Amino acid sequence: MNARKLVSSIPFETNGFSIQCFANRFKISQEIAKTRIEAFESEGYFEKVRDDGKTTRWQLTMKAATLAQASAAKKIKRATADKHYQAFLQRVHEINCNDSYLYRVTKVALFGSYLSGTGPVSDIDLFIWVSCKPKFDTDFSIIREQRTKEMLAEGRRFKNLSGEMHWPELDVRKYLKNGSRVISIQGHNEGYELFEHKIVFGITN
C-alpha cells in the first residue's frame, strides 16, 4: 500500500490511533504496525498526540492530510462544484440552528483548487472548526450522556467507545460531508495558516 492510500484509509479519530488499532485496521501484527507507524512518523505523516508511558497514540499530520487529498478522482465542472459548496453551507446553517446537534460550526476555511474561482475541480477542500453550543456548555457531559442513552434505546450502535464519547462532533462532521465525494473536510486544523485559504464562514459568540 502506498503512502496516499494508507493515510487516506485512516479515519479521523479525535483521540488518535494506537498500535493495536493500526494493526487491526490493516490486519498485520503489532510488531509490523509499530515499524510502519514509526516509519511514517519519521517521514512527517504521523505525530504523537498522547504518550503517557503506557499507551501511545498518533494522529495524521497536515502533510498526511494534504497527501490524502491528492485525489485521483475525475474532475468535475465548476458549476457542479458550486452546487455542492452551496449545499455544504446550507448544512452548516442547519446544524447551527438544530439543537439535536450539541456542537455547532464556528468557522470554515476554503483552500485548494476550488479557491481559484475558475476551471474544473476534483475536490472542495475545507477546514472546519466546531465546538459545543453555548446553551449546552455548562451541563454538556450530562446532556451528552442523556442523549447517548436515548440513542441507544432507539437502536443506534456505536463502533467503539471513542465513537460513543465523541458523537457530538462526529455527527456534525458526517452531516457536513453528507456522503459527497466532492466535499473534502480535513481531520484537524493545525497548520491551516500555511495554506492559501479564505475564511468563508465564521461566528464569534
N, C-alpha and C. Protein backbone atom coordinates (compact mmCIF):
# COMPACT_ATOMS: atom_id res chain seq x y z
N MET A 1 0.85 -1.20 0.00
CA MET A 1 0.00 0.00 0.00
C MET A 1 0.88 1.25 0.00
N ASN A 2 0.62 2.18 -0.96
CA ASN A 2 1.43 3.38 -0.99
C ASN A 2 0.98 4.36 0.09
N ALA A 3 1.78 5.43 0.25
CA ALA A 3 1.54 6.36 1.34
C ALA A 3 0.17 7.03 1.23
N ARG A 4 -0.22 7.45 0.01
CA ARG A 4 -1.50 8.14 -0.14
C ARG A 4 -2.67 7.23 0.22
N LYS A 5 -2.62 5.99 -0.24
CA LYS A 5 -3.71 5.05 0.06
C LYS A 5 -3.77 4.77 1.56
N LEU A 6 -2.59 4.67 2.18
CA LEU A 6 -2.58 4.35 3.61
C LEU A 6 -3.18 5.48 4.43
N VAL A 7 -2.71 6.73 4.23
CA VAL A 7 -3.21 7.82 5.05
C VAL A 7 -4.68 8.11 4.72
N SER A 8 -5.10 7.84 3.48
CA SER A 8 -6.50 8.06 3.10
C SER A 8 -7.42 7.06 3.77
N SER A 9 -6.88 5.90 4.14
CA SER A 9 -7.72 4.85 4.73
C SER A 9 -7.81 4.94 6.24
N ILE A 10 -7.10 5.89 6.85
CA ILE A 10 -7.15 6.06 8.29
C ILE A 10 -8.20 7.12 8.62
N PRO A 11 -9.29 6.75 9.29
CA PRO A 11 -10.35 7.71 9.58
C PRO A 11 -9.93 8.70 10.65
N PHE A 12 -10.62 9.85 10.66
CA PHE A 12 -10.37 10.83 11.70
C PHE A 12 -10.87 10.30 13.04
N GLU A 13 -9.97 10.32 14.04
CA GLU A 13 -10.34 9.96 15.41
C GLU A 13 -9.85 11.06 16.32
N THR A 14 -10.76 11.63 17.10
CA THR A 14 -10.41 12.77 17.94
C THR A 14 -9.22 12.47 18.85
N ASN A 15 -9.15 11.25 19.38
CA ASN A 15 -8.08 10.91 20.30
C ASN A 15 -6.97 10.08 19.65
N GLY A 16 -6.92 10.07 18.32
CA GLY A 16 -5.83 9.39 17.63
C GLY A 16 -6.01 7.89 17.57
N PHE A 17 -4.95 7.20 17.12
CA PHE A 17 -4.99 5.74 16.99
C PHE A 17 -3.76 5.13 17.66
N SER A 18 -3.91 3.92 18.16
CA SER A 18 -2.83 3.21 18.83
C SER A 18 -2.22 2.18 17.88
N ILE A 19 -1.14 1.54 18.32
CA ILE A 19 -0.52 0.48 17.53
C ILE A 19 -1.52 -0.65 17.30
N GLN A 20 -2.26 -1.00 18.33
CA GLN A 20 -3.25 -2.08 18.21
C GLN A 20 -4.32 -1.72 17.19
N CYS A 21 -4.83 -0.47 17.23
CA CYS A 21 -5.85 -0.03 16.27
C CYS A 21 -5.31 -0.11 14.84
N PHE A 22 -4.07 0.34 14.67
CA PHE A 22 -3.44 0.33 13.35
C PHE A 22 -3.29 -1.10 12.86
N ALA A 23 -2.84 -1.98 13.76
CA ALA A 23 -2.65 -3.39 13.40
C ALA A 23 -3.98 -4.04 13.01
N ASN A 24 -5.01 -3.75 13.78
CA ASN A 24 -6.33 -4.33 13.49
C ASN A 24 -6.88 -3.83 12.16
N ARG A 25 -6.69 -2.55 11.88
CA ARG A 25 -7.23 -1.97 10.65
C ARG A 25 -6.59 -2.59 9.42
N PHE A 26 -5.28 -2.81 9.47
CA PHE A 26 -4.58 -3.31 8.29
C PHE A 26 -4.27 -4.81 8.36
N LYS A 27 -4.81 -5.44 9.43
CA LYS A 27 -4.68 -6.90 9.59
C LYS A 27 -3.22 -7.34 9.52
N ILE A 28 -2.42 -6.70 10.36
CA ILE A 28 -1.00 -7.03 10.47
C ILE A 28 -0.66 -7.20 11.94
N SER A 29 0.52 -7.71 12.23
CA SER A 29 0.93 -7.89 13.62
C SER A 29 1.25 -6.53 14.23
N GLN A 30 1.23 -6.48 15.55
CA GLN A 30 1.54 -5.22 16.24
C GLN A 30 3.00 -4.84 16.02
N GLU A 31 3.87 -5.84 15.86
CA GLU A 31 5.28 -5.55 15.61
C GLU A 31 5.46 -4.84 14.27
N ILE A 32 4.77 -5.34 13.24
CA ILE A 32 4.85 -4.70 11.93
C ILE A 32 4.18 -3.34 11.96
N ALA A 33 3.07 -3.26 12.68
CA ALA A 33 2.35 -1.99 12.80
C ALA A 33 3.24 -0.93 13.43
N LYS A 34 3.95 -1.29 14.48
CA LYS A 34 4.84 -0.35 15.16
C LYS A 34 5.93 0.14 14.21
N THR A 35 6.48 -0.77 13.42
CA THR A 35 7.54 -0.40 12.47
C THR A 35 7.01 0.58 11.43
N ARG A 36 5.81 0.31 10.92
CA ARG A 36 5.23 1.17 9.88
C ARG A 36 4.86 2.54 10.44
N ILE A 37 4.30 2.55 11.64
CA ILE A 37 3.94 3.83 12.26
C ILE A 37 5.18 4.69 12.47
N GLU A 38 6.24 4.08 12.98
CA GLU A 38 7.48 4.82 13.22
C GLU A 38 8.06 5.34 11.91
N ALA A 39 7.93 4.55 10.84
CA ALA A 39 8.43 4.98 9.53
C ALA A 39 7.65 6.18 9.03
N PHE A 40 6.33 6.13 9.16
CA PHE A 40 5.52 7.25 8.70
C PHE A 40 5.69 8.47 9.61
N GLU A 41 5.96 8.23 10.87
CA GLU A 41 6.22 9.34 11.79
C GLU A 41 7.52 10.05 11.40
N SER A 42 8.54 9.27 11.07
CA SER A 42 9.82 9.85 10.68
C SER A 42 9.72 10.65 9.38
N GLU A 43 8.74 10.28 8.54
CA GLU A 43 8.53 10.99 7.28
C GLU A 43 7.60 12.19 7.45
N GLY A 44 7.08 12.37 8.67
CA GLY A 44 6.24 13.52 8.94
C GLY A 44 4.77 13.35 8.66
N TYR A 45 4.32 12.08 8.46
CA TYR A 45 2.91 11.83 8.18
C TYR A 45 2.10 11.59 9.45
N PHE A 46 2.74 11.08 10.51
CA PHE A 46 2.08 10.84 11.79
C PHE A 46 2.77 11.68 12.86
N GLU A 47 2.02 12.03 13.90
CA GLU A 47 2.61 12.70 15.06
C GLU A 47 1.93 12.18 16.32
N LYS A 48 2.68 12.12 17.40
CA LYS A 48 2.13 11.65 18.66
C LYS A 48 1.17 12.68 19.23
N VAL A 49 0.01 12.21 19.68
CA VAL A 49 -0.95 13.08 20.34
C VAL A 49 -1.08 12.72 21.82
N ARG A 50 -0.56 11.54 22.18
CA ARG A 50 -0.56 11.16 23.59
C ARG A 50 0.50 10.11 23.83
N ASP A 51 1.28 10.28 24.88
CA ASP A 51 2.29 9.29 25.26
C ASP A 51 2.45 9.36 26.78
N ASP A 52 1.69 8.50 27.47
CA ASP A 52 1.70 8.53 28.93
C ASP A 52 2.60 7.45 29.52
N GLY A 53 3.43 6.86 28.67
CA GLY A 53 4.32 5.81 29.14
C GLY A 53 3.71 4.43 29.05
N LYS A 54 2.39 4.36 28.89
CA LYS A 54 1.69 3.08 28.78
C LYS A 54 1.11 2.92 27.37
N THR A 55 0.38 3.94 26.95
CA THR A 55 -0.26 3.89 25.63
C THR A 55 0.14 5.10 24.81
N THR A 56 0.65 4.86 23.62
CA THR A 56 1.00 5.94 22.71
C THR A 56 -0.02 5.97 21.59
N ARG A 57 -0.47 7.17 21.24
CA ARG A 57 -1.44 7.33 20.16
C ARG A 57 -0.92 8.37 19.17
N TRP A 58 -1.25 8.17 17.91
CA TRP A 58 -0.81 9.06 16.85
C TRP A 58 -2.00 9.65 16.12
N GLN A 59 -1.76 10.75 15.44
CA GLN A 59 -2.76 11.38 14.58
C GLN A 59 -2.10 11.76 13.27
N LEU A 60 -2.89 11.89 12.22
CA LEU A 60 -2.36 12.33 10.94
C LEU A 60 -1.90 13.78 11.03
N THR A 61 -0.79 14.10 10.38
CA THR A 61 -0.31 15.47 10.32
C THR A 61 -0.94 16.19 9.13
N MET A 62 -0.68 17.48 9.03
CA MET A 62 -1.18 18.23 7.89
C MET A 62 -0.54 17.72 6.60
N LYS A 63 0.70 17.28 6.68
CA LYS A 63 1.36 16.71 5.50
C LYS A 63 0.59 15.49 5.01
N ALA A 64 0.15 14.66 5.94
CA ALA A 64 -0.62 13.47 5.57
C ALA A 64 -1.98 13.85 5.00
N ALA A 65 -2.61 14.86 5.62
CA ALA A 65 -3.92 15.30 5.13
C ALA A 65 -3.82 15.83 3.71
N THR A 66 -2.74 16.56 3.44
CA THR A 66 -2.52 17.09 2.09
C THR A 66 -2.33 15.96 1.10
N LEU A 67 -1.55 14.97 1.51
CA LEU A 67 -1.31 13.80 0.64
C LEU A 67 -2.60 13.06 0.37
N ALA A 68 -3.40 12.90 1.41
CA ALA A 68 -4.66 12.17 1.26
C ALA A 68 -5.61 12.89 0.31
N GLN A 69 -5.49 14.22 0.24
CA GLN A 69 -6.37 14.99 -0.63
C GLN A 69 -5.86 15.07 -2.05
N ALA A 70 -4.70 14.49 -2.32
CA ALA A 70 -4.16 14.47 -3.69
C ALA A 70 -4.95 13.44 -4.48
N SER A 71 -6.20 13.75 -4.67
CA SER A 71 -7.16 12.81 -5.24
C SER A 71 -6.91 12.54 -6.71
N ALA A 72 -7.09 11.27 -7.08
CA ALA A 72 -7.01 10.89 -8.49
C ALA A 72 -8.39 10.89 -9.13
N ALA A 73 -9.36 11.39 -8.42
CA ALA A 73 -10.74 11.38 -8.91
C ALA A 73 -10.89 12.28 -10.14
N LYS A 74 -11.86 11.94 -10.96
CA LYS A 74 -12.13 12.71 -12.16
C LYS A 74 -12.61 14.11 -11.77
N LYS A 75 -12.11 15.12 -12.46
CA LYS A 75 -12.51 16.49 -12.17
C LYS A 75 -13.96 16.72 -12.59
N ILE A 76 -14.60 17.66 -11.92
CA ILE A 76 -15.98 17.99 -12.24
C ILE A 76 -16.07 19.45 -12.65
N LYS A 77 -17.18 19.80 -13.31
CA LYS A 77 -17.38 21.17 -13.72
C LYS A 77 -17.56 22.07 -12.51
N ARG A 78 -17.11 23.30 -12.65
CA ARG A 78 -17.21 24.22 -11.51
C ARG A 78 -18.67 24.47 -11.13
N ALA A 79 -19.55 24.47 -12.11
CA ALA A 79 -20.97 24.67 -11.79
C ALA A 79 -21.48 23.57 -10.88
N THR A 80 -21.02 22.34 -11.11
CA THR A 80 -21.41 21.22 -10.24
C THR A 80 -20.81 21.40 -8.86
N ALA A 81 -19.54 21.82 -8.82
CA ALA A 81 -18.88 22.06 -7.53
C ALA A 81 -19.59 23.16 -6.76
N ASP A 82 -20.05 24.20 -7.48
CA ASP A 82 -20.77 25.30 -6.84
C ASP A 82 -22.02 24.78 -6.10
N LYS A 83 -22.73 23.85 -6.72
CA LYS A 83 -23.93 23.29 -6.10
C LYS A 83 -23.58 22.54 -4.82
N HIS A 84 -22.50 21.76 -4.86
CA HIS A 84 -22.05 21.02 -3.67
C HIS A 84 -21.62 22.00 -2.56
N TYR A 85 -20.96 23.07 -2.96
CA TYR A 85 -20.48 24.06 -1.99
C TYR A 85 -21.64 24.77 -1.32
N GLN A 86 -22.61 25.20 -2.09
CA GLN A 86 -23.78 25.89 -1.52
C GLN A 86 -24.57 24.95 -0.62
N ALA A 87 -24.67 23.68 -1.01
CA ALA A 87 -25.37 22.69 -0.18
C ALA A 87 -24.62 22.49 1.14
N PHE A 88 -23.30 22.52 1.08
CA PHE A 88 -22.49 22.40 2.29
C PHE A 88 -22.77 23.57 3.23
N LEU A 89 -22.77 24.79 2.72
CA LEU A 89 -23.03 25.96 3.55
C LEU A 89 -24.43 25.91 4.15
N GLN A 90 -25.39 25.37 3.40
CA GLN A 90 -26.74 25.21 3.92
C GLN A 90 -26.75 24.23 5.09
N ARG A 91 -25.93 23.18 5.00
CA ARG A 91 -25.86 22.20 6.10
C ARG A 91 -25.21 22.82 7.34
N VAL A 92 -24.27 23.72 7.13
CA VAL A 92 -23.69 24.46 8.26
C VAL A 92 -24.79 25.21 9.00
N HIS A 93 -25.62 25.91 8.24
CA HIS A 93 -26.73 26.67 8.83
C HIS A 93 -27.70 25.74 9.56
N GLU A 94 -28.03 24.61 8.96
CA GLU A 94 -28.97 23.67 9.57
C GLU A 94 -28.43 23.14 10.90
N ILE A 95 -27.16 22.78 10.93
CA ILE A 95 -26.54 22.27 12.16
C ILE A 95 -26.59 23.32 13.25
N ASN A 96 -26.26 24.55 12.91
CA ASN A 96 -26.21 25.60 13.93
C ASN A 96 -27.58 25.99 14.45
N CYS A 97 -28.64 25.68 13.68
CA CYS A 97 -30.00 26.03 14.10
C CYS A 97 -30.75 24.84 14.70
N ASN A 98 -30.19 23.66 14.61
CA ASN A 98 -30.87 22.44 15.05
C ASN A 98 -30.24 21.93 16.34
N ASP A 99 -30.99 21.97 17.43
CA ASP A 99 -30.44 21.59 18.73
C ASP A 99 -30.34 20.08 18.94
N SER A 100 -30.67 19.29 17.93
CA SER A 100 -30.36 17.87 18.03
C SER A 100 -28.85 17.67 17.89
N TYR A 101 -28.19 18.69 17.36
CA TYR A 101 -26.72 18.71 17.32
C TYR A 101 -26.23 19.50 18.52
N LEU A 102 -25.40 18.88 19.34
CA LEU A 102 -24.86 19.57 20.51
C LEU A 102 -23.70 20.49 20.13
N TYR A 103 -23.09 20.21 19.00
CA TYR A 103 -21.98 21.03 18.52
C TYR A 103 -22.47 21.96 17.41
N ARG A 104 -21.74 23.03 17.22
CA ARG A 104 -22.00 23.96 16.13
C ARG A 104 -20.73 24.19 15.33
N VAL A 105 -20.89 24.69 14.13
CA VAL A 105 -19.75 25.06 13.29
C VAL A 105 -19.45 26.53 13.55
N THR A 106 -18.22 26.84 13.95
CA THR A 106 -17.87 28.21 14.28
C THR A 106 -17.06 28.91 13.20
N LYS A 107 -16.38 28.11 12.37
CA LYS A 107 -15.58 28.72 11.30
C LYS A 107 -15.34 27.70 10.20
N VAL A 108 -15.28 28.19 8.97
CA VAL A 108 -14.97 27.35 7.82
C VAL A 108 -13.95 28.09 6.96
N ALA A 109 -12.90 27.39 6.57
CA ALA A 109 -11.89 27.95 5.67
C ALA A 109 -11.81 27.11 4.41
N LEU A 110 -11.80 27.77 3.29
CA LEU A 110 -11.72 27.11 1.98
C LEU A 110 -10.30 27.20 1.45
N PHE A 111 -9.80 26.10 0.89
CA PHE A 111 -8.48 26.13 0.26
C PHE A 111 -8.49 25.14 -0.91
N GLY A 112 -7.38 25.06 -1.61
CA GLY A 112 -7.28 24.12 -2.72
C GLY A 112 -7.78 24.69 -4.03
N SER A 113 -8.02 23.80 -4.99
CA SER A 113 -8.33 24.22 -6.36
C SER A 113 -9.63 25.02 -6.48
N TYR A 114 -10.60 24.75 -5.63
CA TYR A 114 -11.88 25.47 -5.73
C TYR A 114 -11.72 26.94 -5.38
N LEU A 115 -10.69 27.24 -4.60
CA LEU A 115 -10.46 28.62 -4.18
C LEU A 115 -10.08 29.52 -5.35
N SER A 116 -9.53 28.94 -6.41
CA SER A 116 -9.07 29.74 -7.55
C SER A 116 -10.20 30.46 -8.26
N GLY A 117 -11.41 29.90 -8.19
CA GLY A 117 -12.56 30.55 -8.79
C GLY A 117 -12.78 30.26 -10.27
N THR A 118 -11.85 29.55 -10.87
CA THR A 118 -12.00 29.23 -12.29
C THR A 118 -11.60 27.79 -12.56
N GLY A 119 -12.12 27.24 -13.66
CA GLY A 119 -11.72 25.90 -14.10
C GLY A 119 -12.37 24.79 -13.31
N PRO A 120 -12.22 23.56 -13.80
CA PRO A 120 -12.79 22.38 -13.12
C PRO A 120 -12.02 22.06 -11.84
N VAL A 121 -12.65 21.31 -10.94
CA VAL A 121 -12.03 20.92 -9.67
C VAL A 121 -12.31 19.45 -9.40
N SER A 122 -11.48 18.85 -8.56
CA SER A 122 -11.73 17.47 -8.16
C SER A 122 -12.31 17.39 -6.75
N ASP A 123 -11.98 18.38 -5.90
CA ASP A 123 -12.47 18.40 -4.52
C ASP A 123 -12.73 19.84 -4.10
N ILE A 124 -13.61 20.00 -3.12
CA ILE A 124 -13.75 21.27 -2.42
C ILE A 124 -13.11 21.06 -1.05
N ASP A 125 -11.92 21.59 -0.88
CA ASP A 125 -11.13 21.33 0.33
C ASP A 125 -11.46 22.35 1.41
N LEU A 126 -11.76 21.85 2.60
CA LEU A 126 -12.26 22.70 3.68
C LEU A 126 -11.62 22.35 5.03
N PHE A 127 -11.33 23.38 5.78
CA PHE A 127 -11.03 23.24 7.20
C PHE A 127 -12.28 23.68 7.94
N ILE A 128 -12.66 22.98 8.99
CA ILE A 128 -13.80 23.41 9.79
C ILE A 128 -13.42 23.45 11.26
N TRP A 129 -14.07 24.34 11.99
CA TRP A 129 -13.90 24.43 13.43
C TRP A 129 -15.26 24.18 14.06
N VAL A 130 -15.32 23.32 15.03
CA VAL A 130 -16.58 23.04 15.71
C VAL A 130 -16.37 23.11 17.22
N SER A 131 -17.43 23.42 17.92
CA SER A 131 -17.36 23.47 19.38
C SER A 131 -18.77 23.27 19.95
N CYS A 132 -18.83 23.02 21.23
CA CYS A 132 -20.12 22.83 21.90
C CYS A 132 -20.94 24.12 21.80
N LYS A 133 -22.23 23.97 21.54
CA LYS A 133 -23.10 25.14 21.52
C LYS A 133 -23.17 25.75 22.92
N PRO A 134 -23.11 27.06 23.03
CA PRO A 134 -23.10 27.73 24.34
C PRO A 134 -24.21 27.29 25.28
N LYS A 135 -25.41 27.04 24.75
CA LYS A 135 -26.54 26.66 25.59
C LYS A 135 -26.35 25.30 26.26
N PHE A 136 -25.43 24.48 25.70
CA PHE A 136 -25.19 23.15 26.26
C PHE A 136 -23.87 23.08 27.05
N ASP A 137 -23.14 24.15 27.04
CA ASP A 137 -21.76 24.11 27.54
C ASP A 137 -21.67 23.77 29.02
N THR A 138 -22.51 24.38 29.84
CA THR A 138 -22.41 24.20 31.29
C THR A 138 -22.65 22.75 31.71
N ASP A 139 -23.67 22.12 31.12
CA ASP A 139 -24.04 20.75 31.50
C ASP A 139 -23.77 19.77 30.37
N PHE A 140 -22.73 20.03 29.60
CA PHE A 140 -22.50 19.24 28.39
C PHE A 140 -22.39 17.75 28.66
N SER A 141 -21.60 17.35 29.64
CA SER A 141 -21.39 15.92 29.92
C SER A 141 -22.70 15.22 30.28
N ILE A 142 -23.52 15.90 31.08
CA ILE A 142 -24.81 15.33 31.49
C ILE A 142 -25.74 15.20 30.29
N ILE A 143 -25.79 16.24 29.46
CA ILE A 143 -26.66 16.23 28.28
C ILE A 143 -26.21 15.17 27.29
N ARG A 144 -24.91 15.10 27.06
CA ARG A 144 -24.38 14.09 26.13
C ARG A 144 -24.71 12.69 26.61
N GLU A 145 -24.55 12.44 27.90
CA GLU A 145 -24.84 11.12 28.45
C GLU A 145 -26.32 10.77 28.29
N GLN A 146 -27.18 11.74 28.54
CA GLN A 146 -28.62 11.50 28.40
C GLN A 146 -28.98 11.25 26.94
N ARG A 147 -28.43 12.04 26.05
CA ARG A 147 -28.70 11.86 24.62
C ARG A 147 -28.18 10.49 24.15
N THR A 148 -27.03 10.09 24.67
CA THR A 148 -26.46 8.80 24.30
C THR A 148 -27.38 7.66 24.71
N LYS A 149 -27.92 7.75 25.92
CA LYS A 149 -28.86 6.72 26.41
C LYS A 149 -30.08 6.66 25.51
N GLU A 150 -30.58 7.83 25.11
CA GLU A 150 -31.76 7.88 24.24
C GLU A 150 -31.46 7.25 22.88
N MET A 151 -30.29 7.53 22.34
CA MET A 151 -29.89 6.96 21.05
C MET A 151 -29.79 5.45 21.12
N LEU A 152 -29.17 4.96 22.19
CA LEU A 152 -29.02 3.51 22.36
C LEU A 152 -30.39 2.84 22.49
N ALA A 153 -31.29 3.50 23.22
CA ALA A 153 -32.64 2.96 23.39
C ALA A 153 -33.40 2.91 22.07
N GLU A 154 -33.06 3.84 21.17
CA GLU A 154 -33.71 3.90 19.85
C GLU A 154 -33.04 2.98 18.83
N GLY A 155 -31.97 2.30 19.27
CA GLY A 155 -31.34 1.33 18.39
C GLY A 155 -30.03 1.74 17.76
N ARG A 156 -29.55 2.93 18.06
CA ARG A 156 -28.26 3.34 17.49
C ARG A 156 -27.13 2.56 18.17
N ARG A 157 -26.14 2.18 17.38
CA ARG A 157 -24.98 1.49 17.90
C ARG A 157 -23.71 2.21 17.47
N PHE A 158 -22.76 2.29 18.38
CA PHE A 158 -21.50 2.94 18.10
C PHE A 158 -20.42 1.89 17.86
N LYS A 159 -19.49 2.20 16.97
CA LYS A 159 -18.45 1.24 16.61
C LYS A 159 -17.52 0.95 17.79
N ASN A 160 -17.25 1.96 18.60
CA ASN A 160 -16.34 1.80 19.72
C ASN A 160 -16.62 2.88 20.76
N LEU A 161 -15.85 2.85 21.84
CA LEU A 161 -16.04 3.81 22.93
C LEU A 161 -15.75 5.23 22.46
N SER A 162 -14.75 5.37 21.59
CA SER A 162 -14.41 6.69 21.07
C SER A 162 -15.60 7.28 20.32
N GLY A 163 -16.25 6.45 19.50
CA GLY A 163 -17.42 6.92 18.76
C GLY A 163 -18.56 7.32 19.68
N GLU A 164 -18.72 6.60 20.78
CA GLU A 164 -19.77 6.90 21.74
C GLU A 164 -19.47 8.19 22.50
N MET A 165 -18.20 8.42 22.77
CA MET A 165 -17.81 9.62 23.51
C MET A 165 -17.85 10.88 22.64
N HIS A 166 -17.50 10.73 21.38
CA HIS A 166 -17.29 11.90 20.53
C HIS A 166 -18.36 12.09 19.46
N TRP A 167 -19.50 11.40 19.59
CA TRP A 167 -20.54 11.53 18.57
C TRP A 167 -21.02 12.97 18.35
N PRO A 168 -21.03 13.85 19.36
CA PRO A 168 -21.49 15.22 19.07
C PRO A 168 -20.68 15.89 17.96
N GLU A 169 -19.38 15.67 17.97
CA GLU A 169 -18.53 16.24 16.91
C GLU A 169 -18.60 15.40 15.65
N LEU A 170 -18.54 14.09 15.79
CA LEU A 170 -18.52 13.21 14.62
C LEU A 170 -19.81 13.31 13.82
N ASP A 171 -20.95 13.48 14.49
CA ASP A 171 -22.23 13.61 13.79
C ASP A 171 -22.25 14.88 12.95
N VAL A 172 -21.66 15.94 13.48
CA VAL A 172 -21.58 17.19 12.73
C VAL A 172 -20.73 17.00 11.48
N ARG A 173 -19.59 16.38 11.66
CA ARG A 173 -18.69 16.15 10.52
C ARG A 173 -19.35 15.25 9.47
N LYS A 174 -20.03 14.24 9.93
CA LYS A 174 -20.68 13.32 9.00
C LYS A 174 -21.76 14.02 8.18
N TYR A 175 -22.57 14.85 8.85
CA TYR A 175 -23.63 15.53 8.12
C TYR A 175 -23.07 16.58 7.17
N LEU A 176 -22.01 17.24 7.58
CA LEU A 176 -21.39 18.23 6.69
C LEU A 176 -20.85 17.56 5.43
N LYS A 177 -20.25 16.41 5.60
CA LYS A 177 -19.76 15.65 4.45
C LYS A 177 -20.92 15.13 3.62
N ASN A 178 -21.94 14.58 4.28
CA ASN A 178 -23.18 14.12 3.66
C ASN A 178 -22.95 13.15 2.49
N GLY A 179 -21.90 12.37 2.59
CA GLY A 179 -21.63 11.37 1.57
C GLY A 179 -21.11 11.92 0.25
N SER A 180 -20.81 13.21 0.21
CA SER A 180 -20.37 13.83 -1.04
C SER A 180 -18.90 13.52 -1.33
N ARG A 181 -18.62 13.02 -2.52
CA ARG A 181 -17.24 12.80 -2.93
C ARG A 181 -16.52 14.12 -3.13
N VAL A 182 -17.27 15.16 -3.45
CA VAL A 182 -16.68 16.46 -3.78
C VAL A 182 -16.23 17.20 -2.53
N ILE A 183 -16.99 17.09 -1.45
CA ILE A 183 -16.66 17.79 -0.21
C ILE A 183 -15.56 17.05 0.53
N SER A 184 -14.45 17.72 0.80
CA SER A 184 -13.31 17.11 1.47
C SER A 184 -12.97 17.93 2.71
N ILE A 185 -13.30 17.39 3.88
CA ILE A 185 -13.10 18.08 5.16
C ILE A 185 -11.87 17.51 5.85
N GLN A 186 -10.96 18.40 6.23
CA GLN A 186 -9.74 17.96 6.89
C GLN A 186 -10.02 17.45 8.31
N GLY A 187 -9.19 16.50 8.75
CA GLY A 187 -9.39 15.90 10.07
C GLY A 187 -9.07 16.85 11.21
N HIS A 188 -8.11 17.74 11.01
CA HIS A 188 -7.79 18.73 12.03
C HIS A 188 -7.25 19.98 11.34
N ASN A 189 -7.11 21.06 12.10
CA ASN A 189 -6.81 22.36 11.51
C ASN A 189 -5.40 22.86 11.78
N GLU A 190 -4.60 22.09 12.46
CA GLU A 190 -3.25 22.53 12.77
C GLU A 190 -2.48 22.80 11.50
N GLY A 191 -1.89 23.99 11.41
CA GLY A 191 -1.10 24.36 10.24
C GLY A 191 -1.91 24.89 9.08
N TYR A 192 -3.20 25.13 9.28
CA TYR A 192 -4.04 25.59 8.16
C TYR A 192 -3.54 26.90 7.58
N GLU A 193 -2.92 27.72 8.46
CA GLU A 193 -2.46 29.03 8.00
C GLU A 193 -1.31 28.94 7.00
N LEU A 194 -0.71 27.77 6.87
CA LEU A 194 0.36 27.58 5.91
C LEU A 194 -0.16 27.44 4.48
N PHE A 195 -1.47 27.20 4.35
CA PHE A 195 -2.11 27.05 3.05
C PHE A 195 -2.77 28.38 2.65
N GLU A 196 -2.76 28.67 1.37
CA GLU A 196 -3.55 29.79 0.89
C GLU A 196 -5.02 29.44 1.12
N HIS A 197 -5.72 30.29 1.82
CA HIS A 197 -7.09 29.95 2.19
C HIS A 197 -7.95 31.20 2.31
N LYS A 198 -9.25 30.98 2.45
CA LYS A 198 -10.19 32.07 2.64
C LYS A 198 -11.22 31.64 3.67
N ILE A 199 -11.43 32.48 4.68
CA ILE A 199 -12.46 32.20 5.68
C ILE A 199 -13.81 32.52 5.04
N VAL A 200 -14.65 31.50 4.90
CA VAL A 200 -15.93 31.68 4.21
C VAL A 200 -17.12 31.67 5.16
N PHE A 201 -16.86 31.35 6.41
CA PHE A 201 -17.93 31.37 7.41
C PHE A 201 -17.30 31.53 8.77
N GLY A 202 -17.93 32.32 9.64
CA GLY A 202 -17.41 32.47 10.99
C GLY A 202 -18.41 33.12 11.91
N ILE A 203 -18.43 32.67 13.17
CA ILE A 203 -19.24 33.29 14.20
C ILE A 203 -18.34 33.55 15.39
N THR A 204 -18.63 34.58 16.14
CA THR A 204 -17.74 34.99 17.22
C THR A 204 -18.35 34.81 18.60
N ASN A 205 -19.66 34.52 18.70
CA ASN A 205 -20.27 34.40 20.03
C ASN A 205 -20.93 33.04 20.21
